[in-house]
Amino acid sequence: MQRREFLKLLGIGVGTAGIAGLASPSRAQEMTDMPMPTATPAPAMAQQVDWVAMNEHHKAGVTTFLNNIGQDPHYWPEEYQPTLDNSVKVFDIHCQEVHWDTGGGNLMAAITYNGRVPGPTLHVDEGDQLRINVHNEMTQPTIIHWHGLLIPNKMDGVPFITQDPIMPGETFTYEFTTRNAGTHEYHSHINATEQVLKGMLGAFIINPKDTSREPVVQGDYVMILNDSALGFTINGKSFPYTQPIVAKLGDKIRVRYLNEGLMSHPMHLHGMPQLIFAKDGYHLPTPYMADTVLISPGERYDVLIDCTEPGAWAYHCHILNHAEGQMGMFGMVTALVVNE
């Protein structure tokens, strides 16, 4: 690009007078002699921040969180143990309307699988034959979509495309054989803005037959992210009622992120990087390191964390109004505690 064109793009005149003016020693001296601008104080705030109260609220939340460590044994989604019908693994999913406590007695209207947010984790092996009986005990129709799974079309769980809705009082049975290993999910696919955001979601994990690419870890954690109807939650709870990951120095842990909300959530871990090695159930050809992992709605990421730094490390969504405000931390905040 010619200099004249470049100056035009910058909005600088390129006439003879303009160039001469910019190059003139006298003009340069005039500019040097001009007084420097001074900062204007901002107008006084209409209401001063009560810093003492802010600190007290912030400290109280952290104290509650620390005192609550180990006090919620059901925080990490529990794996559903199936019954066996010959070689078929059988699960029963009960769709129920309940009041769910997102923490500290904050009861909210929820729609659940088996009475919990999130629903139980279905953890099976590649090649398993499954039978999943879905009992609709609610006051509205529902359906389940097996997000990320390779299954027959008629089992995909989309109303009026692959099946009719499951009406109140009805039971529908899904039957398929698991084909693709990895971290997947299941959730409602009818009135989803209400049903999923109010709790109809869960992890669906399939172990691979070929374990050669699977990492050896000392801990395996599911973090289901959700927002809107129940607030900003990790596994159905909001800080300070989330639970930390507790590990030992030298441990390697696996974290499976699943985003079931309406918003993207960049999950940031202080102190240690995360090795991102799988997305949507599939191993990446080139894993990479990051301290912040952006998970969009519907996405799943598997990461590995080498616990090399002792201490309690903050672990949170880095969209700040999902995690921290004037009165302290809230919502999508937890910690990684590495003990020596």
Protein backbone atom coordinates (compact mmCIF):
# COMPACT_ATOMS: atom_id res chain seq x y z
CA MET A 1 0.00 0.00 0.00
CA GLN A 2 1.27 3.51 -0.87
CA ARG A 3 1.96 5.95 1.96
CA ARG A 4 -0.70 8.34 0.62
CA GLU A 5 -3.37 5.58 0.73
CA PHE A 6 -2.30 4.55 4.25
CA LEU A 7 -2.63 8.15 5.50
CA LYS A 8 -6.07 8.41 3.95
CA LEU A 9 -7.15 5.30 5.86
CA LEU A 10 -5.98 6.99 9.06
CA GLY A 11 -7.97 10.11 8.19
CA ILE A 12 -4.85 12.31 7.89
CA GLY A 13 -4.86 14.99 5.18
CA VAL A 14 -2.16 14.54 2.57
CA GLY A 15 -2.26 17.93 0.86
CA THR A 16 0.92 19.99 0.59
CA ALA A 17 -0.13 22.28 3.41
CA GLY A 18 -1.00 19.38 5.67
CA ILE A 19 2.31 17.61 5.16
CA ALA A 20 4.20 20.85 5.53
CA GLY A 21 2.35 21.65 8.72
CA LEU A 22 3.21 18.27 10.22
CA ALA A 23 6.87 18.65 9.25
CA SER A 24 7.29 22.32 10.19
CA PRO A 25 9.79 22.93 13.04
CA SER A 26 7.79 25.95 14.18
CA ARG A 27 4.62 23.87 14.32
CA ALA A 28 6.46 21.22 16.30
CA GLN A 29 7.62 23.87 18.77
CA GLU A 30 4.06 25.17 19.12
CA MET A 31 2.89 21.66 19.95
CA THR A 32 5.70 21.24 22.48
CA ASP A 33 4.74 24.52 24.17
CA MET A 34 1.08 23.51 24.52
CA PRO A 35 0.05 22.74 28.10
CA MET A 36 -0.46 19.07 28.87
CA PRO A 37 -4.04 18.05 29.63
CA THR A 38 -4.78 17.32 33.25
CA ALA A 39 -7.05 14.61 34.62
CA THR A 40 -10.45 15.77 35.80
CA PRO A 41 -11.55 14.20 39.08
CA ALA A 42 -14.61 11.99 38.71
CA PRO A 43 -17.76 13.38 40.33
CA ALA A 44 -18.38 12.11 43.81
CA MET A 45 -20.43 8.92 43.87
CA ALA A 46 -24.04 9.43 44.87
CA GLN A 47 -23.64 6.72 47.46
CA GLN A 48 -20.32 5.60 48.91
CA VAL A 49 -19.55 1.88 48.87
CA ASP A 50 -19.59 0.31 52.32
CA TRP A 51 -16.22 -1.42 52.07
CA VAL A 52 -16.53 -2.94 55.52
CA ALA A 53 -19.82 -4.63 54.65
CA MET A 54 -18.39 -5.76 51.29
CA ASN A 55 -15.44 -7.46 52.95
CA GLU A 56 -17.66 -9.03 55.60
CA HIS A 57 -19.98 -10.50 52.96
CA HIS A 58 -17.06 -11.77 50.90
CA LYS A 59 -15.38 -13.37 53.91
CA ALA A 60 -18.65 -14.91 55.13
CA GLY A 61 -19.17 -16.63 51.77
CA VAL A 62 -15.66 -18.06 51.71
CA THR A 63 -16.00 -19.19 55.34
CA THR A 64 -19.26 -20.97 54.52
CA PHE A 65 -17.63 -22.65 51.54
CA LEU A 66 -14.63 -23.84 53.54
CA ASN A 67 -16.80 -25.07 56.42
CA ASN A 68 -18.98 -26.97 53.93
CA ILE A 69 -16.13 -29.04 52.47
CA GLY A 70 -17.14 -32.68 52.65
CA GLN A 71 -20.59 -31.86 54.02
CA ASP A 72 -22.48 -32.62 50.78
CA PRO A 73 -21.65 -36.21 49.80
CA HIS A 74 -24.13 -36.05 46.89
CA TYR A 75 -22.64 -32.97 45.20
CA TRP A 76 -20.72 -34.92 42.57
CA PRO A 77 -23.32 -36.65 40.34
CA GLU A 78 -23.83 -40.20 41.46
CA GLU A 79 -23.50 -43.06 39.01
CA TYR A 80 -26.69 -45.01 38.46
CA GLN A 81 -26.15 -48.73 39.00
CA PRO A 82 -28.33 -50.61 36.51
CA THR A 83 -30.11 -53.89 36.99
CA LEU A 84 -29.34 -56.74 34.59
CA ASP A 85 -31.83 -58.55 32.37
CA ASN A 86 -29.57 -61.27 30.98
CA SER A 87 -26.93 -59.16 29.17
CA VAL A 88 -29.06 -55.98 28.99
CA LYS A 89 -28.36 -53.13 31.41
CA VAL A 90 -31.67 -51.65 32.57
CA PHE A 91 -32.15 -48.12 33.93
CA ASP A 92 -35.34 -46.50 35.23
CA ILE A 93 -35.55 -42.71 34.90
CA HIS A 94 -38.35 -40.96 36.81
CA CYS A 95 -39.22 -37.46 35.58
CA GLN A 96 -40.43 -35.46 38.58
CA GLU A 97 -41.33 -31.90 39.55
CA VAL A 98 -39.73 -31.04 42.89
CA HIS A 99 -38.29 -28.17 44.87
CA TRP A 100 -34.49 -28.20 44.65
CA ASP A 101 -32.15 -26.55 47.13
CA THR A 102 -29.37 -24.74 45.24
CA GLY A 103 -27.72 -24.12 48.61
CA GLY A 104 -28.43 -22.72 52.05
CA GLY A 105 -32.13 -23.46 51.93
CA ASN A 106 -32.70 -21.63 48.64
CA LEU A 107 -35.55 -23.82 47.37
CA MET A 108 -36.49 -23.41 43.71
CA ALA A 109 -39.04 -25.09 41.46
CA ALA A 110 -37.15 -27.77 39.53
CA ILE A 111 -37.85 -30.56 37.05
CA THR A 112 -35.62 -33.55 37.62
CA TYR A 113 -34.49 -37.02 36.75
CA ASN A 114 -34.89 -39.23 39.83
CA GLY A 115 -35.41 -36.21 42.07
CA ARG A 116 -31.93 -34.66 41.67
CA VAL A 117 -30.18 -31.85 39.79
CA PRO A 118 -28.33 -32.98 37.78
CA GLY A 119 -29.77 -36.40 37.16
CA PRO A 120 -27.75 -39.55 37.86
CA THR A 121 -24.74 -40.24 35.67
CA LEU A 122 -25.22 -43.15 33.29
CA HIS A 123 -21.76 -44.75 33.10
CA VAL A 124 -21.51 -47.77 30.83
CA ASP A 125 -19.13 -49.53 28.44
CA GLU A 126 -18.82 -49.35 24.69
CA GLY A 127 -20.90 -52.17 23.20
CA ASP A 128 -23.34 -52.42 26.12
CA GLN A 129 -26.98 -53.17 25.35
CA LEU A 130 -29.18 -50.70 27.23
CA ARG A 131 -32.85 -50.48 28.11
CA ILE A 132 -33.89 -47.16 29.65
CA ASN A 133 -37.46 -46.87 30.94
CA VAL A 134 -38.53 -43.23 31.20
CA HIS A 135 -41.50 -42.69 33.52
CA ASN A 136 -43.23 -39.31 33.16
CA GLU A 137 -44.54 -38.41 36.62
CA MET A 138 -44.93 -34.71 35.76
CA THR A 139 -47.82 -32.49 34.72
CA GLN A 140 -46.43 -31.85 31.20
CA PRO A 141 -45.10 -34.02 28.36
CA THR A 142 -41.40 -34.76 28.13
CA ILE A 143 -38.85 -36.70 26.10
CA ILE A 144 -35.13 -37.57 26.41
CA HIS A 145 -32.45 -36.85 23.82
CA TRP A 146 -29.17 -38.76 24.09
CA HIS A 147 -26.83 -35.89 23.20
CA GLY A 148 -23.72 -37.02 21.28
CA LEU A 149 -24.59 -40.72 21.11
CA LEU A 150 -24.64 -42.70 17.87
CA ILE A 151 -27.98 -44.50 18.09
CA PRO A 152 -30.90 -45.54 15.83
CA ASN A 153 -32.96 -42.60 14.60
CA LYS A 154 -36.13 -43.75 16.36
CA MET A 155 -34.27 -43.61 19.70
CA ASP A 156 -32.97 -40.03 19.27
CA GLY A 157 -35.68 -38.39 21.39
CA VAL A 158 -37.02 -35.48 19.33
CA PRO A 159 -40.79 -34.87 19.55
CA PHE A 160 -42.80 -35.52 16.36
CA ILE A 161 -39.60 -36.18 14.41
CA THR A 162 -38.49 -39.49 15.93
CA GLN A 163 -41.30 -40.18 18.41
CA ASP A 164 -44.36 -38.77 20.09
CA PRO A 165 -43.90 -36.97 23.41
CA ILE A 166 -44.11 -39.01 26.58
CA MET A 167 -47.34 -37.76 28.14
CA PRO A 168 -47.97 -37.44 31.90
CA GLY A 169 -48.45 -40.88 33.41
CA GLU A 170 -46.86 -42.66 30.45
CA THR A 171 -43.64 -44.68 30.18
CA PHE A 172 -41.44 -44.92 27.11
CA THR A 173 -38.57 -47.36 26.69
CA TYR A 174 -35.39 -46.48 24.83
CA GLU A 175 -33.27 -49.41 23.66
CA PHE A 176 -29.91 -49.19 21.93
CA THR A 177 -26.34 -50.48 21.97
CA THR A 178 -23.61 -47.99 22.86
CA ARG A 179 -21.25 -47.35 19.94
CA ASN A 180 -19.11 -44.26 20.53
CA ALA A 181 -17.12 -43.89 23.72
CA GLY A 182 -16.58 -40.60 25.51
CA THR A 183 -18.26 -37.93 27.60
CA HIS A 184 -21.83 -37.30 26.46
CA GLU A 185 -25.07 -36.11 28.07
CA TYR A 186 -28.81 -36.65 28.17
CA HIS A 187 -31.52 -34.04 28.52
CA SER A 188 -35.09 -33.12 27.69
CA HIS A 189 -35.86 -32.04 24.12
CA ILE A 190 -39.38 -30.67 24.61
CA ASN A 191 -40.07 -27.33 26.27
CA ALA A 192 -36.31 -27.49 26.77
CA THR A 193 -35.91 -23.85 27.79
CA GLU A 194 -37.89 -24.68 30.92
CA GLN A 195 -37.21 -28.38 31.44
CA VAL A 196 -33.44 -28.45 30.87
CA LEU A 197 -32.76 -25.17 32.66
CA LYS A 198 -34.80 -26.41 35.61
CA GLY A 199 -32.78 -29.58 35.92
CA MET A 200 -33.59 -32.24 33.30
CA LEU A 201 -29.99 -33.01 32.41
CA GLY A 202 -27.29 -35.53 33.21
CA ALA A 203 -23.96 -37.00 32.14
CA PHE A 204 -23.74 -40.09 29.91
CA ILE A 205 -20.23 -41.58 29.97
CA ILE A 206 -19.17 -44.50 27.79
CA ASN A 207 -15.89 -46.28 28.54
CA PRO A 208 -13.97 -47.26 25.40
CA LYS A 209 -13.07 -50.85 24.54
CA ASP A 210 -9.60 -49.65 23.57
CA THR A 211 -8.21 -47.96 26.65
CA SER A 212 -4.75 -47.22 25.22
CA ARG A 213 -5.52 -43.50 24.89
CA GLU A 214 -7.28 -43.20 28.22
CA PRO A 215 -5.27 -41.35 30.90
CA VAL A 216 -4.49 -42.93 34.25
CA VAL A 217 -5.89 -40.60 36.88
CA GLN A 218 -6.39 -40.46 40.64
CA GLY A 219 -9.72 -38.66 40.34
CA ASP A 220 -12.48 -38.30 37.72
CA TYR A 221 -14.98 -35.44 38.18
CA VAL A 222 -18.10 -34.35 36.30
CA MET A 223 -18.93 -30.61 36.28
CA ILE A 224 -22.33 -29.87 34.75
CA LEU A 225 -22.74 -26.14 34.12
CA ASN A 226 -26.19 -24.57 34.04
CA ASP A 227 -27.66 -21.09 34.22
CA SER A 228 -30.87 -19.06 34.11
CA ALA A 229 -33.79 -20.88 35.76
CA LEU A 230 -31.89 -22.13 38.83
CA GLY A 231 -29.25 -19.41 38.72
CA PHE A 232 -25.59 -19.97 37.91
CA THR A 233 -24.81 -23.47 39.12
CA ILE A 234 -22.20 -26.21 39.00
CA ASN A 235 -23.81 -29.60 39.58
CA GLY A 236 -27.01 -27.91 40.71
CA LYS A 237 -25.44 -25.78 43.46
CA SER A 238 -24.29 -22.17 43.68
CA PHE A 239 -21.30 -20.91 45.67
CA PRO A 240 -20.78 -21.01 48.62
CA TYR A 241 -22.62 -24.36 48.54
CA THR A 242 -20.53 -25.93 45.79
CA GLN A 243 -17.90 -28.49 46.74
CA PRO A 244 -14.18 -28.32 45.90
CA ILE A 245 -12.12 -30.98 44.23
CA VAL A 246 -9.74 -32.28 46.90
CA ALA A 247 -6.54 -33.94 45.67
CA LYS A 248 -3.05 -34.80 46.86
CA LEU A 249 0.14 -33.19 45.65
CA GLY A 250 1.29 -35.14 42.60
CA ASP A 251 -2.17 -36.44 41.67
CA LYS A 252 -3.43 -36.27 38.10
CA ILE A 253 -7.17 -35.61 37.86
CA ARG A 254 -9.68 -35.62 35.02
CA VAL A 255 -12.47 -33.07 34.82
CA ARG A 256 -15.38 -33.51 32.41
CA TYR A 257 -17.15 -30.22 31.63
CA LEU A 258 -20.71 -30.36 30.29
CA ASN A 259 -22.56 -27.12 29.50
CA GLU A 260 -26.34 -27.51 29.64
CA GLY A 261 -27.16 -23.80 29.96
CA LEU A 262 -27.99 -20.96 27.60
CA MET A 263 -24.65 -19.18 27.95
CA SER A 264 -20.99 -19.91 27.33
CA HIS A 265 -18.83 -20.42 30.41
CA PRO A 266 -15.03 -20.01 30.35
CA MET A 267 -13.86 -22.15 33.27
CA HIS A 268 -10.66 -20.76 34.75
CA LEU A 269 -8.40 -22.58 37.20
CA HIS A 270 -5.87 -20.61 39.23
CA GLY A 271 -2.36 -21.90 39.79
CA MET A 272 -2.22 -24.81 37.33
CA PRO A 273 -2.93 -25.30 33.62
CA GLN A 274 -5.44 -27.70 32.13
CA LEU A 275 -4.55 -30.11 29.34
CA ILE A 276 -7.52 -30.23 26.97
CA PHE A 277 -7.46 -33.67 25.36
CA ALA A 278 -11.04 -34.43 24.28
CA LYS A 279 -14.02 -32.49 22.96
CA ASP A 280 -17.59 -33.77 22.59
CA GLY A 281 -16.41 -37.28 23.43
CA TYR A 282 -13.64 -37.43 20.84
CA HIS A 283 -9.89 -37.32 21.54
CA LEU A 284 -8.19 -34.30 20.03
CA PRO A 285 -5.39 -35.03 17.55
CA THR A 286 -3.27 -32.42 19.33
CA PRO A 287 -4.06 -31.79 23.00
CA TYR A 288 -3.22 -28.31 24.24
CA MET A 289 -2.70 -26.43 27.48
CA ALA A 290 -4.88 -23.59 28.78
CA ASP A 291 -5.78 -22.00 32.08
CA THR A 292 -9.25 -21.04 30.79
CA VAL A 293 -11.52 -23.43 28.88
CA LEU A 294 -14.50 -21.94 27.04
CA ILE A 295 -17.48 -24.31 27.03
CA SER A 296 -20.40 -23.31 24.82
CA PRO A 297 -23.94 -24.68 25.29
CA GLY A 298 -24.07 -28.37 24.38
CA GLU A 299 -20.29 -28.82 24.39
CA ARG A 300 -18.26 -31.26 26.47
CA TYR A 301 -14.57 -30.95 27.22
CA ASP A 302 -12.30 -33.42 29.01
CA VAL A 303 -9.21 -31.95 30.68
CA LEU A 304 -6.32 -33.27 32.75
CA ILE A 305 -4.83 -31.35 35.65
CA ASP A 306 -1.49 -32.20 37.21
CA CYS A 307 -1.78 -31.18 40.86
CA THR A 308 1.70 -29.68 41.19
CA GLU A 309 0.94 -26.68 43.40
CA PRO A 310 -0.25 -27.11 47.01
CA GLY A 311 -2.98 -24.92 48.43
CA ALA A 312 -6.59 -23.94 47.78
CA TRP A 313 -6.94 -22.60 44.24
CA ALA A 314 -9.97 -20.68 42.98
CA TYR A 315 -11.82 -22.36 40.13
CA HIS A 316 -14.62 -20.40 38.44
CA CYS A 317 -16.40 -19.16 35.35
CA HIS A 318 -14.52 -16.10 34.12
CA ILE A 319 -17.58 -14.24 32.92
CA LEU A 320 -17.42 -12.22 36.10
CA ASN A 321 -21.12 -11.57 36.59
CA HIS A 322 -21.54 -15.34 36.76
CA ALA A 323 -19.15 -15.58 39.69
CA GLU A 324 -18.43 -12.43 41.69
CA GLY A 325 -20.00 -9.13 42.65
CA GLN A 326 -19.82 -6.38 45.19
CA MET A 327 -20.94 -8.66 47.98
CA GLY A 328 -18.45 -11.41 47.14
CA MET A 329 -18.35 -14.61 45.14
CA PHE A 330 -21.48 -16.48 44.09
CA GLY A 331 -22.73 -18.82 41.40
CA MET A 332 -20.18 -20.69 39.30
CA VAL A 333 -17.30 -20.80 41.77
CA THR A 334 -15.54 -23.72 43.41
CA ALA A 335 -11.91 -24.60 44.22
CA LEU A 336 -9.20 -27.17 43.68
CA VAL A 337 -7.61 -28.01 47.03
CA VAL A 338 -4.21 -29.70 46.71
CA ASN A 339 -2.99 -31.17 49.99
CA GLU A 340 0.67 -31.95 50.62
